[in-house]
Amino acid sequence: MGESAPPPPRVTRLQLFLAFAKVGLLGFGGDSAWARRVVVEERRWLDDADYVRVVAVGQILPGANTANVAIMIGDRFHGAAGALIAMAGLTAMPLAILMALATLYNRFAEAPDVKAAIAGTAAAAAGMVIGTALKIARRLRPTRVAIAFGIATFILVGLLRIPLLVAVAVLAPLSVAAVVWLERPR
């Protein structure tokens, strides 16, 4: 007797809004790490494999990755209304904070302490993204092919500064072909 998939979690519209409001509030300047933490670790709405699939689609679509993720997850649970609710939650607090900070930054931008705070925040955001990638990679145990294409993507985009769209256009078909070739019947 085969095992059936567990039923999808029941997510209310308020829970959807509050979850993405938390992502938007805590992820100011780098919300992808918080999105995974809230959706996968805290709420358990998706597992890591499902979350990676959503993020992968979100990354190849135009627009901000986490916004795409919020829209897809919101749509999954409540259709178009859920997509709008998730986006409203994701953007509400950052918008309010941004307006307040922009007003302050406009006044104090040249202060050395403000410059140091901005540089430190950027480093922390980069560290969160790297930490999340390592956490996901440890749980998913990527294949050698996946690791090779991940390294190739990093080299093309991160080191050689090739535009992401060009890198995806070149590497995506190659990675699919590699997996098909490796999994062919022998």
Foldseek 3Di string as FASTA:
>chain_A
DDDDDDDQDQADLVNLLQLLLVLQQVQQVARPLSNCCSPCVPPNRDHLVVLVVQLVVLVLDPDDSVLSSQLVVLCVNPNNVRSVSNNCSNVVVSVVVVVVVVVVCVVCVPPPVNVVVVVVVNVVNVVSVVVSVVVSCVVVVDDPLVVVLVVVLCCVCVPVVPDNNVSCVPSVVVSVVVVCVVPPDD
